[in-house]
């Protein structure tokens, strides 16, 4: 299982709609946080090991209505 974090910039006034769309319609999106700073949303996604991260982001997240830009980080290990 791969964990990625996708920071997203949204069109003005669209962040909550984008968050709802991502959580409801993109199965791999675990949670979405509204955040402060350069980006509007932070999406946590779990991908199967055989999924290409680049294709997933460009085809499933960057195409969501209201998304202007994304920045992706790959998680290596979760500590608890």
PDB file of N, CA and C in Angstrom:
ATOM      1  N   UNK A   1       0.854  -1.184   0.000  1.00  0.00           N
ATOM      2  CA  UNK A   1       0.000   0.000   0.000  1.00  0.00           C
ATOM      3  C   UNK A   1       0.893   1.239   0.000  1.00  0.00           C
ATOM      4  N   UNK A   2       0.578   2.204  -0.851  1.00  0.00           N
ATOM      5  CA  UNK A   2       1.291   3.470  -0.931  1.00  0.00           C
ATOM      6  C   UNK A   2       0.432   4.568  -0.318  1.00  0.00           C
ATOM      7  N   UNK A   3       1.061   5.458   0.422  1.00  0.00           N
ATOM      8  CA  UNK A   3       0.358   6.612   0.980  1.00  0.00           C
ATOM      9  C   UNK A   3       0.911   7.860   0.330  1.00  0.00           C
ATOM     10  N   UNK A   4       0.022   8.695  -0.200  1.00  0.00           N
ATOM     11  CA  UNK A   4       0.445   9.972  -0.750  1.00  0.00           C
ATOM     12  C   UNK A   4      -0.389  11.080  -0.138  1.00  0.00           C
ATOM     13  N   UNK A   5       0.206  12.266  -0.105  1.00  0.00           N
ATOM     14  CA  UNK A   5      -0.465  13.470   0.370  1.00  0.00           C
ATOM     15  C   UNK A   5      -0.467  14.462  -0.776  1.00  0.00           C
ATOM     16  N   UNK A   6      -1.642  14.929  -1.151  1.00  0.00           N
ATOM     17  CA  UNK A   6      -1.754  15.837  -2.287  1.00  0.00           C
ATOM     18  C   UNK A   6      -2.290  17.181  -1.802  1.00  0.00           C
ATOM     19  N   UNK A   7      -1.443  18.197  -1.899  1.00  0.00           N
ATOM     20  CA  UNK A   7      -1.847  19.566  -1.608  1.00  0.00           C
ATOM     21  C   UNK A   7      -2.522  20.106  -2.859  1.00  0.00           C
ATOM     22  N   UNK A   8      -3.643  20.789  -2.691  1.00  0.00           N
ATOM     23  CA  UNK A   8      -4.397  21.280  -3.842  1.00  0.00           C
ATOM     24  C   UNK A   8      -4.759  22.749  -3.700  1.00  0.00           C
ATOM     25  N   UNK A   9      -4.545  23.498  -4.791  1.00  0.00           N
ATOM     26  CA  UNK A   9      -5.052  24.868  -4.896  1.00  0.00           C
ATOM     27  C   UNK A   9      -6.355  24.790  -5.665  1.00  0.00           C
ATOM     28  N   UNK A  10      -7.334  25.544  -5.202  1.00  0.00           N
ATOM     29  CA  UNK A  10      -8.657  25.504  -5.824  1.00  0.00           C
ATOM     30  C   UNK A  10      -9.034  26.873  -6.380  1.00  0.00           C
ATOM     31  N   UNK A  11      -9.980  26.856  -7.321  1.00  0.00           N
ATOM     32  CA  UNK A  11     -10.563  28.105  -7.789  1.00  0.00           C
ATOM     33  C   UNK A  11     -11.211  28.791  -6.584  1.00  0.00           C
ATOM     34  N   UNK A  12     -11.249  30.114  -6.612  1.00  0.00           N
ATOM     35  CA  UNK A  12     -11.824  30.858  -5.496  1.00  0.00           C
ATOM     36  C   UNK A  12     -13.252  30.398  -5.211  1.00  0.00           C
ATOM     37  N   UNK A  13     -13.516  30.120  -3.951  1.00  0.00           N
ATOM     38  CA  UNK A  13     -14.848  29.718  -3.513  1.00  0.00           C
ATOM     39  C   UNK A  13     -15.207  28.270  -3.783  1.00  0.00           C
ATOM     40  N   UNK A  14     -14.274  27.471  -4.283  1.00  0.00           N
ATOM     41  CA  UNK A  14     -14.581  26.096  -4.683  1.00  0.00           C
ATOM     42  C   UNK A  14     -14.004  25.020  -3.761  1.00  0.00           C
ATOM     43  N   UNK A  15     -13.241  25.382  -2.755  1.00  0.00           N
ATOM     44  CA  UNK A  15     -12.519  24.398  -1.938  1.00  0.00           C
ATOM     45  C   UNK A  15     -13.445  23.365  -1.291  1.00  0.00           C
ATOM     46  N   UNK A  16     -14.558  23.797  -0.726  1.00  0.00           N
ATOM     47  CA  UNK A  16     -15.442  22.848  -0.055  1.00  0.00           C
ATOM     48  C   UNK A  16     -16.112  21.905  -1.051  1.00  0.00           C
ATOM     49  N   UNK A  17     -16.460  22.422  -2.226  1.00  0.00           N
ATOM     50  CA  UNK A  17     -17.032  21.569  -3.270  1.00  0.00           C
ATOM     51  C   UNK A  17     -16.014  20.538  -3.738  1.00  0.00           C
ATOM     52  N   UNK A  18     -14.765  20.966  -3.905  1.00  0.00           N
ATOM     53  CA  UNK A  18     -13.698  20.049  -4.318  1.00  0.00           C
ATOM     54  C   UNK A  18     -13.502  18.969  -3.261  1.00  0.00           C
ATOM     55  N   UNK A  19     -13.477  19.362  -1.995  1.00  0.00           N
ATOM     56  CA  UNK A  19     -13.298  18.402  -0.903  1.00  0.00           C
ATOM     57  C   UNK A  19     -14.411  17.362  -0.905  1.00  0.00           C
ATOM     58  N   UNK A  20     -15.647  17.815  -1.032  1.00  0.00           N
ATOM     59  CA  UNK A  20     -16.787  16.882  -1.073  1.00  0.00           C
ATOM     60  C   UNK A  20     -16.669  15.921  -2.248  1.00  0.00           C
ATOM     61  N   UNK A  21     -16.354  16.447  -3.406  1.00  0.00           N
ATOM     62  CA  UNK A  21     -16.227  15.626  -4.618  1.00  0.00           C
ATOM     63  C   UNK A  21     -15.133  14.570  -4.441  1.00  0.00           C
ATOM     64  N   UNK A  22     -14.003  14.969  -3.878  1.00  0.00           N
ATOM     65  CA  UNK A  22     -12.890  14.037  -3.699  1.00  0.00           C
ATOM     66  C   UNK A  22     -13.249  12.908  -2.733  1.00  0.00           C
ATOM     67  N   UNK A  23     -13.841  13.259  -1.603  1.00  0.00           N
ATOM     68  CA  UNK A  23     -14.179  12.255  -0.590  1.00  0.00           C
ATOM     69  C   UNK A  23     -15.272  11.306  -1.085  1.00  0.00           C
ATOM     70  N   UNK A  24     -16.248  11.855  -1.773  1.00  0.00           N
ATOM     71  CA  UNK A  24     -17.385  11.042  -2.203  1.00  0.00           C
ATOM     72  C   UNK A  24     -17.115  10.211  -3.455  1.00  0.00           C
ATOM     73  N   UNK A  25     -16.244  10.697  -4.347  1.00  0.00           N
ATOM     74  CA  UNK A  25     -16.126  10.058  -5.654  1.00  0.00           C
ATOM     75  C   UNK A  25     -14.768   9.485  -6.009  1.00  0.00           C
ATOM     76  N   UNK A  26     -13.767   9.701  -5.177  1.00  0.00           N
ATOM     77  CA  UNK A  26     -12.450   9.111  -5.441  1.00  0.00           C
ATOM     78  C   UNK A  26     -12.165   8.134  -4.309  1.00  0.00           C
ATOM     79  N   UNK A  27     -12.325   6.856  -4.607  1.00  0.00           N
ATOM     80  CA  UNK A  27     -12.240   5.794  -3.602  1.00  0.00           C
ATOM     81  C   UNK A  27     -10.948   5.831  -2.796  1.00  0.00           C
ATOM     82  N   UNK A  28      -9.849   6.191  -3.418  1.00  0.00           N
ATOM     83  CA  UNK A  28      -8.536   6.151  -2.764  1.00  0.00           C
ATOM     84  C   UNK A  28      -8.311   7.311  -1.801  1.00  0.00           C
ATOM     85  N   UNK A  29      -9.158   8.323  -1.849  1.00  0.00           N
ATOM     86  CA  UNK A  29      -9.021   9.466  -0.943  1.00  0.00           C
ATOM     87  C   UNK A  29      -9.568   9.076   0.422  1.00  0.00           C
ATOM     88  N   UNK A  30      -8.680   9.069   1.410  1.00  0.00           N
ATOM     89  CA  UNK A  30      -9.047   8.683   2.764  1.00  0.00           C
ATOM     90  C   UNK A  30      -9.664   9.840   3.539  1.00  0.00           C
ATOM     91  N   UNK A  31      -9.046  11.006   3.411  1.00  0.00           N
ATOM     92  CA  UNK A  31      -9.540  12.181   4.114  1.00  0.00           C
ATOM     93  C   UNK A  31      -9.040  13.437   3.410  1.00  0.00           C
ATOM     94  N   UNK A  32      -9.769  14.516   3.614  1.00  0.00           N
ATOM     95  CA  UNK A  32      -9.400  15.808   3.043  1.00  0.00           C
ATOM     96  C   UNK A  32      -9.465  16.848   4.152  1.00  0.00           C
ATOM     97  N   UNK A  33      -8.417  17.644   4.254  1.00  0.00           N
ATOM     98  CA  UNK A  33      -8.359  18.698   5.270  1.00  0.00           C
ATOM     99  C   UNK A  33      -8.319  20.056   4.594  1.00  0.00           C
ATOM    100  N   UNK A  34      -9.090  20.996   5.107  1.00  0.00           N
ATOM    101  CA  UNK A  34      -8.973  22.386   4.716  1.00  0.00           C
ATOM    102  C   UNK A  34      -7.785  22.942   5.485  1.00  0.00           C
ATOM    103  N   UNK A  35      -6.863  23.604   4.782  1.00  0.00           N
ATOM    104  CA  UNK A  35      -5.627  24.054   5.429  1.00  0.00           C
ATOM    105  C   UNK A  35      -5.351  25.525   5.116  1.00  0.00           C
ATOM    106  N   UNK A  36      -4.459  26.111   5.890  1.00  0.00           N
ATOM    107  CA  UNK A  36      -4.033  27.484   5.630  1.00  0.00           C
ATOM    108  C   UNK A  36      -2.725  27.452   4.851  1.00  0.00           C
ATOM    109  N   UNK A  37      -2.372  28.577   4.291  1.00  0.00           N
ATOM    110  CA  UNK A  37      -1.108  28.676   3.582  1.00  0.00           C
ATOM    111  C   UNK A  37      -1.285  28.726   2.076  1.00  0.00           C
ATOM    112  N   UNK A  38      -0.268  28.273   1.376  1.00  0.00           N
ATOM    113  CA  UNK A  38      -0.226  28.362  -0.087  1.00  0.00           C
ATOM    114  C   UNK A  38      -1.288  27.498  -0.769  1.00  0.00           C
ATOM    115  N   UNK A  39      -1.673  26.408  -0.125  1.00  0.00           N
ATOM    116  CA  UNK A  39      -2.663  25.486  -0.695  1.00  0.00           C
ATOM    117  C   UNK A  39      -3.948  25.545   0.123  1.00  0.00           C
ATOM    118  N   UNK A  40      -5.036  25.098  -0.500  1.00  0.00           N
ATOM    119  CA  UNK A  40      -6.352  25.146   0.144  1.00  0.00           C
ATOM    120  C   UNK A  40      -6.739  23.842   0.828  1.00  0.00           C
ATOM    121  N   UNK A  41      -6.344  22.718   0.219  1.00  0.00           N
ATOM    122  CA  UNK A  41      -6.732  21.401   0.721  1.00  0.00           C
ATOM    123  C   UNK A  41      -5.530  20.471   0.796  1.00  0.00           C
ATOM    124  N   UNK A  42      -5.598  19.527   1.731  1.00  0.00           N
ATOM    125  CA  UNK A  42      -4.626  18.441   1.824  1.00  0.00           C
ATOM    126  C   UNK A  42      -5.401  17.129   1.782  1.00  0.00           C
ATOM    127  N   UNK A  43      -5.119  16.334   0.756  1.00  0.00           N
ATOM    128  CA  UNK A  43      -5.798  15.053   0.583  1.00  0.00           C
ATOM    129  C   UNK A  43      -4.845  13.916   0.929  1.00  0.00           C
ATOM    130  N   UNK A  44      -5.311  12.999   1.755  1.00  0.00           N
ATOM    131  CA  UNK A  44      -4.532  11.803   2.086  1.00  0.00           C
ATOM    132  C   UNK A  44      -5.128  10.650   1.286  1.00  0.00           C
ATOM    133  N   UNK A  45      -4.275   9.980   0.522  1.00  0.00           N
ATOM    134  CA  UNK A  45      -4.746   8.911  -0.357  1.00  0.00           C
ATOM    135  C   UNK A  45      -3.950   7.638  -0.119  1.00  0.00           C
ATOM    136  N   UNK A  46      -4.638   6.513  -0.181  1.00  0.00           N
ATOM    137  CA  UNK A  46      -4.009   5.199  -0.111  1.00  0.00           C
ATOM    138  C   UNK A  46      -4.159   4.525  -1.464  1.00  0.00           C
ATOM    139  N   UNK A  47      -3.031   4.129  -2.053  1.00  0.00           N
ATOM    140  CA  UNK A  47      -3.028   3.503  -3.370  1.00  0.00           C
ATOM    141  C   UNK A  47      -2.461   2.103  -3.280  1.00  0.00           C
ATOM    142  N   UNK A  48      -2.995   1.192  -4.073  1.00  0.00           N
ATOM    143  CA  UNK A  48      -2.411  -0.142  -4.169  1.00  0.00           C
ATOM    144  C   UNK A  48      -0.992  -0.016  -4.718  1.00  0.00           C
ATOM    145  N   UNK A  49      -0.147  -0.974  -4.384  1.00  0.00           N
ATOM    146  CA  UNK A  49       1.258  -0.926  -4.784  1.00  0.00           C
ATOM    147  C   UNK A  49       1.463  -0.861  -6.291  1.00  0.00           C
ATOM    148  N   UNK A  50       0.543  -1.419  -7.055  1.00  0.00           N
ATOM    149  CA  UNK A  50       0.708  -1.446  -8.507  1.00  0.00           C
ATOM    150  C   UNK A  50       0.154  -0.201  -9.210  1.00  0.00           C
ATOM    151  N   UNK A  51      -0.364   0.762  -8.457  1.00  0.00           N
ATOM    152  CA  UNK A  51      -0.920   1.973  -9.046  1.00  0.00           C
ATOM    153  C   UNK A  51       0.194   2.987  -9.285  1.00  0.00           C
ATOM    154  N   UNK A  52       0.226   3.547 -10.484  1.00  0.00           N
ATOM    155  CA  UNK A  52       1.185   4.595 -10.824  1.00  0.00           C
ATOM    156  C   UNK A  52       0.697   5.918 -10.221  1.00  0.00           C
ATOM    157  N   UNK A  53       1.503   6.498  -9.348  1.00  0.00           N
ATOM    158  CA  UNK A  53       1.109   7.711  -8.626  1.00  0.00           C
ATOM    159  C   UNK A  53       0.847   8.867  -9.584  1.00  0.00           C
ATOM    160  N   UNK A  54       1.709   9.043 -10.558  1.00  0.00           N
ATOM    161  CA  UNK A  54       1.543  10.138 -11.513  1.00  0.00           C
ATOM    162  C   UNK A  54       0.236  10.050 -12.273  1.00  0.00           C
ATOM    163  N   UNK A  55      -0.081   8.860 -12.756  1.00  0.00           N
ATOM    164  CA  UNK A  55      -1.340   8.680 -13.476  1.00  0.00           C
ATOM    165  C   UNK A  55      -2.532   8.902 -12.543  1.00  0.00           C
ATOM    166  N   UNK A  56      -2.444   8.391 -11.308  1.00  0.00           N
ATOM    167  CA  UNK A  56      -3.546   8.565 -10.365  1.00  0.00           C
ATOM    168  C   UNK A  56      -3.828  10.047 -10.129  1.00  0.00           C
ATOM    169  N   UNK A  57      -2.777  10.812  -9.837  1.00  0.00           N
ATOM    170  CA  UNK A  57      -2.964  12.234  -9.528  1.00  0.00           C
ATOM    171  C   UNK A  57      -3.490  12.993 -10.743  1.00  0.00           C
ATOM    172  N   UNK A  58      -2.874  12.781 -11.901  1.00  0.00           N
ATOM    173  CA  UNK A  58      -3.281  13.551 -13.082  1.00  0.00           C
ATOM    174  C   UNK A  58      -4.656  13.150 -13.601  1.00  0.00           C
ATOM    175  N   UNK A  59      -5.031  11.898 -13.449  1.00  0.00           N
ATOM    176  CA  UNK A  59      -6.305  11.432 -13.999  1.00  0.00           C
ATOM    177  C   UNK A  59      -7.473  11.505 -13.010  1.00  0.00           C
ATOM    178  N   UNK A  60      -7.181  11.421 -11.708  1.00  0.00           N
ATOM    179  CA  UNK A  60      -8.262  11.346 -10.723  1.00  0.00           C
ATOM    180  C   UNK A  60      -8.412  12.578  -9.832  1.00  0.00           C
ATOM    181  N   UNK A  61      -7.324  13.297  -9.608  1.00  0.00           N
ATOM    182  CA  UNK A  61      -7.406  14.456  -8.716  1.00  0.00           C
ATOM    183  C   UNK A  61      -7.315  15.778  -9.482  1.00  0.00           C
ATOM    184  N   UNK A  62      -6.351  15.896 -10.385  1.00  0.00           N
ATOM    185  CA  UNK A  62      -6.210  17.153 -11.125  1.00  0.00           C
ATOM    186  C   UNK A  62      -7.394  17.431 -12.032  1.00  0.00           C
ATOM    187  N   UNK A  63      -8.179  16.419 -12.338  1.00  0.00           N
ATOM    188  CA  UNK A  63      -9.350  16.600 -13.200  1.00  0.00           C
ATOM    189  C   UNK A  63     -10.624  16.933 -12.425  1.00  0.00           C
ATOM    190  N   UNK A  64     -10.547  16.963 -11.096  1.00  0.00           N
ATOM    191  CA  UNK A  64     -11.724  17.336 -10.308  1.00  0.00           C
ATOM    192  C   UNK A  64     -12.100  18.786 -10.617  1.00  0.00           C
ATOM    193  N   UNK A  65     -13.377  19.073 -10.808  1.00  0.00           N
ATOM    194  CA  UNK A  65     -13.794  20.456 -11.067  1.00  0.00           C
ATOM    195  C   UNK A  65     -13.380  21.368  -9.920  1.00  0.00           C
ATOM    196  N   UNK A  66     -12.728  22.488 -10.248  1.00  0.00           N
ATOM    197  CA  UNK A  66     -12.310  23.449  -9.238  1.00  0.00           C
ATOM    198  C   UNK A  66     -10.853  23.354  -8.836  1.00  0.00           C
ATOM    199  N   UNK A  67     -10.139  22.322  -9.265  1.00  0.00           N
ATOM    200  CA  UNK A  67      -8.715  22.177  -8.947  1.00  0.00           C
ATOM    201  C   UNK A  67      -7.892  23.032  -9.907  1.00  0.00           C
ATOM    202  N   UNK A  68      -6.977  23.844  -9.360  1.00  0.00           N
ATOM    203  CA  UNK A  68      -6.084  24.668 -10.191  1.00  0.00           C
ATOM    204  C   UNK A  68      -4.671  24.107 -10.237  1.00  0.00           C
ATOM    205  N   UNK A  69      -4.214  23.531  -9.131  1.00  0.00           N
ATOM    206  CA  UNK A  69      -2.816  23.101  -9.036  1.00  0.00           C
ATOM    207  C   UNK A  69      -2.704  22.062  -7.928  1.00  0.00           C
ATOM    208  N   UNK A  70      -1.717  21.173  -8.055  1.00  0.00           N
ATOM    209  CA  UNK A  70      -1.464  20.188  -7.000  1.00  0.00           C
ATOM    210  C   UNK A  70       0.030  20.072  -6.732  1.00  0.00           C
ATOM    211  N   UNK A  71       0.347  19.575  -5.559  1.00  0.00           N
ATOM    212  CA  UNK A  71       1.719  19.267  -5.150  1.00  0.00           C
ATOM    213  C   UNK A  71       1.637  17.969  -4.363  1.00  0.00           C
ATOM    214  N   UNK A  72       2.368  16.950  -4.791  1.00  0.00           N
ATOM    215  CA  UNK A  72       2.244  15.611  -4.211  1.00  0.00           C
ATOM    216  C   UNK A  72       3.482  15.218  -3.415  1.00  0.00           C
ATOM    217  N   UNK A  73       3.251  14.662  -2.236  1.00  0.00           N
ATOM    218  CA  UNK A  73       4.310  14.080  -1.403  1.00  0.00           C
ATOM    219  C   UNK A  73       4.015  12.602  -1.227  1.00  0.00           C
ATOM    220  N   UNK A  74       5.059  11.791  -1.232  1.00  0.00           N
ATOM    221  CA  UNK A  74       4.914  10.349  -1.024  1.00  0.00           C
ATOM    222  C   UNK A  74       5.327  10.035   0.408  1.00  0.00           C
ATOM    223  N   UNK A  75       4.470   9.320   1.129  1.00  0.00           N
ATOM    224  CA  UNK A  75       4.786   8.884   2.487  1.00  0.00           C
ATOM    225  C   UNK A  75       5.592   7.590   2.456  1.00  0.00           C
ATOM    226  N   UNK A  76       6.625   7.511   3.267  1.00  0.00           N
ATOM    227  CA  UNK A  76       7.456   6.310   3.320  1.00  0.00           C
ATOM    228  C   UNK A  76       7.025   5.346   4.420  1.00  0.00           C
ATOM    229  N   UNK A  77       6.857   5.853   5.633  1.00  0.00           N
ATOM    230  CA  UNK A  77       6.524   4.983   6.770  1.00  0.00           C
ATOM    231  C   UNK A  77       5.654   5.774   7.739  1.00  0.00           C
ATOM    232  N   UNK A  78       4.609   5.138   8.219  1.00  0.00           N
ATOM    233  CA  UNK A  78       3.747   5.750   9.235  1.00  0.00           C
ATOM    234  C   UNK A  78       4.184   5.283  10.615  1.00  0.00           C
ATOM    235  N   UNK A  79       4.282   6.192  11.547  1.00  0.00           N
ATOM    236  CA  UNK A  79       4.664   5.864  12.920  1.00  0.00           C
ATOM    237  C   UNK A  79       3.440   6.052  13.821  1.00  0.00           C
ATOM    238  N   UNK A  80       3.295   5.159  14.787  1.00  0.00           N
ATOM    239  CA  UNK A  80       2.183   5.320  15.727  1.00  0.00           C
ATOM    240  C   UNK A  80       2.612   4.954  17.126  1.00  0.00           C
TER     241      UNK A  80
END
